[in-house]
């Protein structure tokens, strides 16, 4: 970083030069923001794509950068009147702080749900806003800046520019797709960023009369590039079987640790990646039980050595035909755990050494935004698409089904009766 006039210039491998204003500098220099340097952006993807060691810190600064560019575009194009300009004041800082509440290894833990967590990372961000240092910094923004920023992050703000922080066209998606593809070394996250940002408009909803972020019809092709990049990255990176195997092992470690009382839900908030694993390992060594032994002697060393659970069965959602996976499979329920342990016993494995995995991302092709038509007028674009203009959303169901894979992982290679298992975990539509 270089310094001058209470601002900083950062050299970034994705966006080249990023300029932080003095408020952003103060935020970045807080301890709770610096913590993000030690939270990997993609959790365990680095075990499959070695370059994917980038962090939430760089991503957050990248989203801030895109926010400043977009607001400058809106200002120069005359769309930010006096009222809208005042509403824009908090947007860059909400963009900068949108991920501050992430748990260790990012999204992996959030799949455990409310039984093991005090809330998702958007909710947990309030804990970090409450630090004395961050309260002091946000206080310089005036009024209830912390509350306004938190509402923007949670998608609960009435700010007409809220869609830049949380929505189907938010800057977070644009940034992470580009950054993740770069560091994974894959060509899948290509998004026409410049065209997309230049195509953003502040439009009036024809039904409610309220202003919100939308796009010009001429930028629709760039929007499609974003949607397709998201599909490709989920299919090839985020839900790669190796990444899911590592995430499954990590979740099992945390699940057992909380269930056994080694640590509490509250203690999951705050530690960095390595801090959490180290602390679980340290406490597990003092626990004289089968759980303590499995954690300290088997599972944590396996995660560190990349000795991941093996796929012993997989079925894509597209192959389910007229059947659907039971709801109890989709969350870490007692019924799911009982099923896993029954399979483990049948296969001669210890409790906890079979893991069922079926990832969920309901908003993979989320679309709910206004579009300004070239022929005049404003329409709302949702998952039904706009015939003759953007038809990709109509393929959303098929693409999502091709991306989701039901897998069973085992800590040792075993053979399963696929038909019998599918009969138990699915039902007819």
Protein backbone atom coordinates (compact mmCIF):
# COMPACT_ATOMS: atom_id res chain seq x y z
CA UNK A 1 0.00 0.00 0.00
CA UNK A 2 1.14 3.54 -0.67
CA UNK A 3 0.08 6.50 1.45
CA UNK A 4 -0.79 10.17 0.86
CA UNK A 5 -3.39 12.72 1.99
CA UNK A 6 -4.99 10.14 4.33
CA UNK A 7 -5.76 7.95 1.30
CA UNK A 8 -4.09 4.76 0.14
CA UNK A 9 -3.40 3.21 -3.22
CA UNK A 10 -3.35 -0.57 -3.39
CA UNK A 11 -1.89 -2.64 -6.20
CA UNK A 12 -4.28 -5.48 -6.89
CA UNK A 13 -3.65 -8.43 -9.27
CA UNK A 14 -7.22 -8.28 -10.59
CA UNK A 15 -8.14 -4.58 -10.75
CA UNK A 16 -4.61 -3.17 -10.91
CA UNK A 17 -4.96 0.09 -8.92
CA UNK A 18 -7.45 0.58 -6.10
CA UNK A 19 -7.72 3.89 -4.28
CA UNK A 20 -9.12 3.88 -0.74
CA UNK A 21 -10.53 7.12 0.66
CA UNK A 22 -9.71 8.12 4.25
CA UNK A 23 -12.84 6.46 5.71
CA UNK A 24 -12.02 3.21 3.91
CA UNK A 25 -8.43 3.38 5.16
CA UNK A 26 -9.67 3.68 8.74
CA UNK A 27 -11.99 0.71 8.28
CA UNK A 28 -9.31 -1.44 6.67
CA UNK A 29 -6.88 -0.67 9.50
CA UNK A 30 -9.19 -2.06 12.21
CA UNK A 31 -8.24 -5.41 13.73
CA UNK A 32 -11.60 -6.98 12.85
CA UNK A 33 -11.14 -6.09 9.17
CA UNK A 34 -7.52 -7.24 9.11
CA UNK A 35 -8.78 -10.62 10.37
CA UNK A 36 -10.06 -11.23 6.83
CA UNK A 37 -6.46 -11.60 5.64
CA UNK A 38 -6.55 -15.01 7.31
CA UNK A 39 -9.93 -16.22 6.04
CA UNK A 40 -9.58 -17.99 2.70
CA UNK A 41 -12.08 -16.80 0.14
CA UNK A 42 -12.82 -20.30 -1.16
CA UNK A 43 -12.44 -22.35 1.98
CA UNK A 44 -10.80 -25.62 0.91
CA UNK A 45 -10.63 -25.04 -2.85
CA UNK A 46 -6.85 -24.60 -2.51
CA UNK A 47 -6.63 -28.36 -1.90
CA UNK A 48 -7.82 -28.83 -5.50
CA UNK A 49 -6.68 -25.58 -7.12
CA UNK A 50 -3.37 -24.69 -5.38
CA UNK A 51 -3.56 -21.03 -6.37
CA UNK A 52 -6.87 -20.50 -4.58
CA UNK A 53 -5.28 -19.17 -1.38
CA UNK A 54 -6.71 -15.67 -1.86
CA UNK A 55 -8.58 -14.18 1.06
CA UNK A 56 -11.71 -12.29 2.06
CA UNK A 57 -9.49 -9.24 2.58
CA UNK A 58 -8.59 -8.82 -1.10
CA UNK A 59 -12.13 -9.62 -2.22
CA UNK A 60 -13.66 -7.02 0.11
CA UNK A 61 -11.35 -4.31 -1.19
CA UNK A 62 -12.20 -5.36 -4.74
CA UNK A 63 -15.94 -4.96 -4.10
CA UNK A 64 -15.29 -1.52 -2.61
CA UNK A 65 -13.40 -0.64 -5.80
CA UNK A 66 -16.30 -1.71 -8.03
CA UNK A 67 -18.71 0.28 -5.86
CA UNK A 68 -16.71 3.49 -6.29
CA UNK A 69 -16.49 2.95 -10.06
CA UNK A 70 -20.22 2.29 -10.38
CA UNK A 71 -21.22 5.28 -8.27
CA UNK A 72 -18.93 7.52 -10.33
CA UNK A 73 -20.60 6.22 -13.50
CA UNK A 74 -24.05 6.93 -12.06
CA UNK A 75 -22.97 10.40 -10.97
CA UNK A 76 -21.45 11.33 -14.32
CA UNK A 77 -24.52 10.08 -16.16
CA UNK A 78 -26.70 12.41 -14.10
CA UNK A 79 -28.61 9.68 -12.27
CA UNK A 80 -27.58 10.64 -8.75
CA UNK A 81 -29.68 13.66 -7.83
CA UNK A 82 -29.32 15.30 -4.45
CA UNK A 83 -31.42 12.68 -2.63
CA UNK A 84 -29.82 9.70 -4.38
CA UNK A 85 -26.35 11.18 -3.90
CA UNK A 86 -26.90 11.28 -0.14
CA UNK A 87 -28.13 7.67 -0.22
CA UNK A 88 -24.93 6.70 -2.04
CA UNK A 89 -22.75 7.80 0.86
CA UNK A 90 -22.67 4.45 2.68
CA UNK A 91 -22.59 2.15 -0.35
CA UNK A 92 -18.76 1.89 -0.73
CA UNK A 93 -18.33 1.11 2.98
CA UNK A 94 -21.12 -1.46 2.96
CA UNK A 95 -19.35 -3.04 -0.03
CA UNK A 96 -16.08 -3.01 1.92
CA UNK A 97 -17.66 -4.58 5.01
CA UNK A 98 -20.08 -7.03 3.39
CA UNK A 99 -18.06 -10.14 4.33
CA UNK A 100 -16.65 -9.09 7.70
CA UNK A 101 -18.80 -11.63 9.55
CA UNK A 102 -17.51 -14.72 7.77
CA UNK A 103 -16.62 -17.79 9.78
CA UNK A 104 -13.34 -19.66 9.38
CA UNK A 105 -13.01 -21.15 5.89
CA UNK A 106 -15.82 -18.90 4.64
CA UNK A 107 -19.11 -20.52 3.56
CA UNK A 108 -18.41 -24.12 4.60
CA UNK A 109 -19.66 -23.72 8.17
CA UNK A 110 -22.88 -21.96 7.19
CA UNK A 111 -24.14 -25.25 5.77
CA UNK A 112 -24.36 -26.59 9.33
CA UNK A 113 -27.34 -24.33 9.96
CA UNK A 114 -28.89 -22.78 13.06
CA UNK A 115 -28.33 -25.81 15.29
CA UNK A 116 -24.61 -25.12 15.27
CA UNK A 117 -24.32 -21.42 14.42
CA UNK A 118 -25.64 -18.20 15.94
CA UNK A 119 -26.44 -16.89 12.45
CA UNK A 120 -25.17 -16.50 8.89
CA UNK A 121 -22.24 -14.22 8.14
CA UNK A 122 -24.47 -11.25 7.32
CA UNK A 123 -26.10 -11.52 10.76
CA UNK A 124 -22.80 -12.15 12.53
CA UNK A 125 -21.28 -9.02 10.99
CA UNK A 126 -23.06 -6.98 13.70
CA UNK A 127 -20.70 -8.56 16.26
CA UNK A 128 -17.71 -7.09 14.44
CA UNK A 129 -19.37 -3.70 14.03
CA UNK A 130 -19.65 -3.71 17.82
CA UNK A 131 -15.90 -3.69 18.45
CA UNK A 132 -14.72 -0.46 20.07
CA UNK A 133 -12.33 0.25 17.21
CA UNK A 134 -14.92 -0.28 14.47
CA UNK A 135 -17.60 1.70 16.34
CA UNK A 136 -15.20 4.62 16.56
CA UNK A 137 -14.38 4.44 12.85
CA UNK A 138 -17.99 4.09 11.69
CA UNK A 139 -18.94 6.94 14.00
CA UNK A 140 -16.98 9.29 11.74
CA UNK A 141 -19.51 8.53 8.99
CA UNK A 142 -22.21 10.15 11.12
CA UNK A 143 -25.66 9.17 12.31
CA UNK A 144 -26.52 5.49 12.45
CA UNK A 145 -23.92 4.50 9.86
CA UNK A 146 -23.36 1.06 11.39
CA UNK A 147 -27.08 0.29 11.29
CA UNK A 148 -27.43 1.58 7.75
CA UNK A 149 -24.48 -0.49 6.56
CA UNK A 150 -25.76 -3.60 8.32
CA UNK A 151 -29.19 -3.19 6.70
CA UNK A 152 -27.52 -2.91 3.28
CA UNK A 153 -25.47 -6.06 3.89
CA UNK A 154 -28.56 -8.03 5.00
CA UNK A 155 -30.64 -6.80 2.05
CA UNK A 156 -33.08 -5.04 4.38
CA UNK A 157 -32.34 -1.44 3.43
CA UNK A 158 -34.73 0.96 1.72
CA UNK A 159 -31.76 2.63 0.04
CA UNK A 160 -32.48 2.80 -3.74
CA UNK A 161 -28.88 1.73 -4.36
CA UNK A 162 -29.13 -1.34 -2.12
CA UNK A 163 -28.92 -3.64 -5.15
CA UNK A 164 -25.23 -2.78 -5.51
CA UNK A 165 -24.58 -4.48 -2.14
CA UNK A 166 -27.22 -7.19 -1.96
CA UNK A 167 -29.27 -8.34 -4.93
CA UNK A 168 -29.22 -10.31 -8.14
CA UNK A 169 -26.78 -7.85 -9.74
CA UNK A 170 -24.70 -6.97 -6.69
CA UNK A 171 -21.04 -6.13 -7.06
CA UNK A 172 -20.01 -8.98 -4.75
CA UNK A 173 -20.93 -11.57 -7.41
CA UNK A 174 -19.08 -9.75 -10.17
CA UNK A 175 -15.95 -9.47 -8.03
CA UNK A 176 -15.80 -12.97 -6.61
CA UNK A 177 -16.39 -14.67 -9.96
CA UNK A 178 -13.52 -12.76 -11.56
CA UNK A 179 -11.17 -13.10 -8.58
CA UNK A 180 -11.90 -16.78 -7.95
CA UNK A 181 -11.34 -17.70 -11.60
CA UNK A 182 -8.05 -15.78 -11.65
CA UNK A 183 -6.61 -17.46 -8.58
CA UNK A 184 -7.93 -20.92 -9.46
CA UNK A 185 -6.35 -20.56 -12.91
CA UNK A 186 -9.56 -21.45 -14.74
CA UNK A 187 -11.30 -19.69 -17.66
CA UNK A 188 -14.82 -20.13 -16.29
CA UNK A 189 -15.41 -16.85 -14.44
CA UNK A 190 -15.28 -14.53 -17.42
CA UNK A 191 -17.67 -11.61 -16.98
CA UNK A 192 -17.91 -8.51 -19.18
CA UNK A 193 -17.43 -6.28 -16.16
CA UNK A 194 -16.96 -2.94 -17.91
CA UNK A 195 -20.10 -3.34 -20.01
CA UNK A 196 -22.10 -4.52 -17.04
CA UNK A 197 -21.08 -1.61 -14.81
CA UNK A 198 -21.60 0.95 -17.56
CA UNK A 199 -25.01 -0.53 -18.22
CA UNK A 200 -26.24 -0.04 -14.65
CA UNK A 201 -29.02 2.51 -14.18
CA UNK A 202 -31.16 3.89 -11.39
CA UNK A 203 -34.65 2.99 -12.57
CA UNK A 204 -38.18 3.53 -11.30
CA UNK A 205 -40.24 0.43 -10.64
CA UNK A 206 -43.38 0.84 -12.81
CA UNK A 207 -45.49 -0.81 -10.08
CA UNK A 208 -44.22 0.73 -6.85
CA UNK A 209 -42.73 3.96 -8.21
CA UNK A 210 -39.60 3.37 -6.12
CA UNK A 211 -36.07 3.75 -7.47
CA UNK A 212 -33.73 0.79 -7.63
CA UNK A 213 -30.67 -0.45 -9.49
CA UNK A 214 -31.31 -2.00 -12.91
CA UNK A 215 -29.59 -2.26 -16.28
CA UNK A 216 -29.95 -1.01 -19.81
CA UNK A 217 -31.15 -3.54 -22.36
CA UNK A 218 -27.86 -3.10 -24.22
CA UNK A 219 -26.02 -4.68 -21.27
CA UNK A 220 -28.10 -7.88 -21.26
CA UNK A 221 -25.36 -9.91 -22.95
CA UNK A 222 -23.00 -8.88 -20.13
CA UNK A 223 -25.62 -10.01 -17.60
CA UNK A 224 -25.80 -13.40 -19.30
CA UNK A 225 -22.02 -13.67 -19.06
CA UNK A 226 -22.38 -13.21 -15.30
CA UNK A 227 -25.05 -15.90 -14.97
CA UNK A 228 -23.19 -18.41 -17.09
CA UNK A 229 -19.90 -17.72 -15.30
CA UNK A 230 -21.66 -18.44 -12.01
CA UNK A 231 -22.96 -21.76 -13.33
CA UNK A 232 -19.53 -22.78 -14.61
CA UNK A 233 -17.75 -21.84 -11.39
CA UNK A 234 -20.19 -23.79 -9.23
CA UNK A 235 -19.93 -26.81 -11.47
CA UNK A 236 -16.16 -26.81 -11.85
CA UNK A 237 -14.82 -25.12 -8.71
CA UNK A 238 -17.18 -24.48 -5.81
CA UNK A 239 -18.87 -27.87 -5.99
CA UNK A 240 -15.92 -29.87 -7.32
CA UNK A 241 -15.95 -33.28 -5.62
CA UNK A 242 -12.55 -32.68 -3.98
CA UNK A 243 -13.68 -29.35 -2.55
CA UNK A 244 -16.90 -30.91 -1.28
CA UNK A 245 -14.96 -33.81 0.28
CA UNK A 246 -12.68 -31.43 2.19
CA UNK A 247 -15.64 -29.29 3.25
CA UNK A 248 -17.50 -32.40 4.41
CA UNK A 249 -14.54 -33.45 6.56
CA UNK A 250 -14.22 -29.95 8.04
CA UNK A 251 -17.94 -29.74 8.80
CA UNK A 252 -17.80 -33.15 10.47
CA UNK A 253 -14.91 -31.95 12.65
CA UNK A 254 -16.86 -28.87 13.76
CA UNK A 255 -20.11 -30.83 14.14
CA UNK A 256 -18.46 -33.35 16.46
CA UNK A 257 -16.63 -30.62 18.38
CA UNK A 258 -19.78 -28.63 19.14
CA UNK A 259 -21.84 -31.76 19.84
CA UNK A 260 -19.21 -33.04 22.27
CA UNK A 261 -18.91 -29.68 24.02
CA UNK A 262 -15.32 -29.10 22.93
CA UNK A 263 -16.35 -25.61 21.84
CA UNK A 264 -19.54 -23.59 21.78
CA UNK A 265 -21.46 -21.94 18.94
CA UNK A 266 -20.29 -18.58 20.27
CA UNK A 267 -16.66 -19.64 19.96
CA UNK A 268 -17.08 -20.21 16.22
CA UNK A 269 -17.36 -16.44 15.77
CA UNK A 270 -14.00 -14.75 15.46
CA UNK A 271 -11.28 -17.37 14.90
CA UNK A 272 -9.39 -17.36 11.61
CA UNK A 273 -8.94 -20.52 9.54
CA UNK A 274 -5.84 -21.82 11.25
CA UNK A 275 -6.86 -20.59 14.71
CA UNK A 276 -10.05 -22.64 14.68
CA UNK A 277 -8.42 -25.88 13.53
CA UNK A 278 -5.58 -25.45 16.01
CA UNK A 279 -7.92 -24.80 18.93
CA UNK A 280 -10.14 -27.78 18.13
CA UNK A 281 -7.05 -30.01 17.88
CA UNK A 282 -5.67 -28.69 21.17
CA UNK A 283 -8.91 -29.26 23.06
CA UNK A 284 -9.56 -32.65 21.44
CA UNK A 285 -6.26 -33.95 22.81
CA UNK A 286 -7.53 -33.38 26.35
CA UNK A 287 -10.81 -35.20 25.70
CA UNK A 288 -10.64 -38.84 26.79
CA UNK A 289 -13.29 -40.26 24.48
CA UNK A 290 -13.76 -41.82 21.04
CA UNK A 291 -14.69 -38.39 19.67
CA UNK A 292 -11.51 -36.80 21.04
CA UNK A 293 -9.43 -39.61 19.58
CA UNK A 294 -11.04 -39.39 16.14
CA UNK A 295 -10.61 -35.62 16.04
CA UNK A 296 -7.01 -35.42 17.22
CA UNK A 297 -5.58 -38.65 15.77
CA UNK A 298 -7.53 -39.14 12.55
CA UNK A 299 -9.73 -36.41 11.16
CA UNK A 300 -7.74 -33.23 11.78
CA UNK A 301 -4.44 -34.82 10.63
CA UNK A 302 -6.26 -36.13 7.54
CA UNK A 303 -7.54 -32.65 6.70
CA UNK A 304 -4.09 -31.12 7.12
CA UNK A 305 -2.47 -33.84 4.99
CA UNK A 306 -5.21 -33.70 2.32
CA UNK A 307 -6.21 -37.30 2.98
CA UNK A 308 -9.82 -36.63 2.09
CA UNK A 309 -12.91 -38.87 2.27
CA UNK A 310 -13.50 -40.87 -0.91
CA UNK A 311 -16.55 -40.77 -3.16
CA UNK A 312 -18.33 -44.09 -2.90
CA UNK A 313 -21.51 -42.94 -4.62
CA UNK A 314 -22.74 -39.97 -6.63
CA UNK A 315 -25.90 -39.08 -8.53
CA UNK A 316 -26.61 -35.76 -10.22
CA UNK A 317 -29.91 -34.05 -9.54
CA UNK A 318 -30.65 -34.40 -13.26
CA UNK A 319 -30.55 -38.20 -12.88
CA UNK A 320 -33.25 -38.30 -10.21
CA UNK A 321 -36.01 -38.43 -12.80
CA UNK A 322 -39.38 -38.33 -11.12
CA UNK A 323 -37.95 -38.47 -7.61
CA UNK A 324 -36.74 -35.82 -5.17
CA UNK A 325 -34.28 -35.95 -2.28
CA UNK A 326 -35.90 -35.96 1.17
CA UNK A 327 -35.72 -32.69 3.13
CA UNK A 328 -33.84 -34.34 6.00
CA UNK A 329 -30.90 -34.96 3.65
CA UNK A 330 -30.49 -31.25 2.95
CA UNK A 331 -29.54 -30.24 6.49
CA UNK A 332 -27.46 -31.62 9.32
CA UNK A 333 -30.45 -33.22 11.02
CA UNK A 334 -30.46 -36.03 13.57
CA UNK A 335 -32.21 -38.22 10.99
CA UNK A 336 -29.42 -37.62 8.48
CA UNK A 337 -26.72 -38.38 11.02
CA UNK A 338 -28.48 -41.59 12.09
CA UNK A 339 -28.64 -42.65 8.44
CA UNK A 340 -24.93 -41.90 7.95
CA UNK A 341 -23.91 -43.83 11.03
CA UNK A 342 -26.09 -46.80 10.08
CA UNK A 343 -24.33 -46.92 6.71
CA UNK A 344 -20.97 -46.63 8.47
CA UNK A 345 -21.78 -49.57 10.72
CA UNK A 346 -22.91 -51.67 7.75
CA UNK A 347 -19.62 -50.88 5.98
CA UNK A 348 -17.43 -51.56 8.98
CA UNK A 349 -16.55 -47.93 9.65
CA UNK A 350 -16.64 -45.88 12.83
CA UNK A 351 -19.37 -43.40 13.70
CA UNK A 352 -19.01 -40.20 11.70
CA UNK A 353 -16.99 -41.74 8.88
CA UNK A 354 -19.76 -41.69 6.30
CA UNK A 355 -20.90 -38.26 5.09
CA UNK A 356 -23.88 -37.54 2.85
CA UNK A 357 -23.48 -34.37 0.75
CA UNK A 358 -26.05 -32.64 -1.44
CA UNK A 359 -25.26 -28.91 -1.75
CA UNK A 360 -28.00 -26.32 -2.03
CA UNK A 361 -27.86 -22.90 -3.69
CA UNK A 362 -31.40 -21.71 -4.27
CA UNK A 363 -30.25 -18.35 -5.63
CA UNK A 364 -27.70 -19.67 -8.14
CA UNK A 365 -29.65 -18.02 -10.96
CA UNK A 366 -31.41 -15.43 -8.83
CA UNK A 367 -32.88 -12.70 -11.04
CA UNK A 368 -35.06 -9.86 -9.87
CA UNK A 369 -34.12 -6.53 -11.40
CA UNK A 370 -35.42 -3.81 -13.64
CA UNK A 371 -34.39 -3.50 -17.27
CA UNK A 372 -34.73 -0.40 -19.43
CA UNK A 373 -35.98 -1.43 -22.86
CA UNK A 374 -34.52 0.17 -25.97
CA UNK A 375 -38.03 0.58 -27.37
CA UNK A 376 -39.01 2.50 -24.25
CA UNK A 377 -40.36 1.60 -20.85
CA UNK A 378 -39.05 -0.41 -17.90
CA UNK A 379 -39.76 -4.11 -17.24
CA UNK A 380 -38.94 -6.39 -14.35
CA UNK A 381 -36.66 -9.28 -15.22
CA UNK A 382 -37.10 -12.43 -13.17
CA UNK A 383 -36.45 -16.14 -13.66
CA UNK A 384 -39.06 -16.36 -16.39
CA UNK A 385 -36.75 -14.21 -18.52
CA UNK A 386 -37.85 -11.87 -21.27
CA UNK A 387 -38.65 -13.70 -24.49
CA UNK A 388 -36.35 -12.78 -27.33
CA UNK A 389 -34.09 -10.79 -25.05
CA UNK A 390 -32.72 -13.04 -22.32
CA UNK A 391 -33.68 -16.71 -22.29
CA UNK A 392 -30.91 -18.14 -20.11
CA UNK A 393 -33.07 -17.99 -16.95
CA UNK A 394 -35.49 -20.43 -18.56
CA UNK A 395 -32.65 -22.95 -18.56
CA UNK A 396 -31.94 -22.32 -14.87
CA UNK A 397 -33.61 -25.49 -13.62
CA UNK A 398 -31.68 -27.72 -16.00
CA UNK A 399 -28.35 -26.02 -15.30
CA UNK A 400 -28.90 -26.20 -11.53
CA UNK A 401 -29.80 -29.90 -11.75
CA UNK A 402 -26.66 -30.61 -13.77
CA UNK A 403 -24.52 -28.79 -11.21
CA UNK A 404 -25.90 -30.38 -8.03
CA UNK A 405 -24.56 -33.81 -7.19
CA UNK A 406 -25.72 -36.10 -4.40
CA UNK A 407 -22.60 -37.76 -3.01
CA UNK A 408 -21.71 -40.13 -0.25
CA UNK A 409 -18.17 -39.86 1.07
CA UNK A 410 -16.41 -42.49 3.18
CA UNK A 411 -13.17 -42.19 5.13
CA UNK A 412 -12.16 -45.54 3.63
CA UNK A 413 -13.12 -46.90 0.22
CA UNK A 414 -16.25 -49.03 0.33
CA UNK A 415 -18.97 -50.28 -2.04
CA UNK A 416 -22.64 -49.31 -1.69
CA UNK A 417 -25.89 -50.60 -3.14
CA UNK A 418 -26.82 -47.47 -5.08
CA UNK A 419 -30.43 -48.41 -5.79
CA UNK A 420 -31.14 -49.27 -2.15
CA UNK A 421 -29.63 -46.00 -0.93
CA UNK A 422 -31.56 -43.89 -3.43
CA UNK A 423 -34.78 -45.63 -2.44
CA UNK A 424 -34.18 -44.51 1.14
CA UNK A 425 -33.10 -40.91 0.53
CA UNK A 426 -35.62 -39.99 -2.17
CA UNK A 427 -39.40 -39.89 -2.65
CA UNK A 428 -41.67 -39.55 -5.63
CA UNK A 429 -42.69 -36.05 -6.70
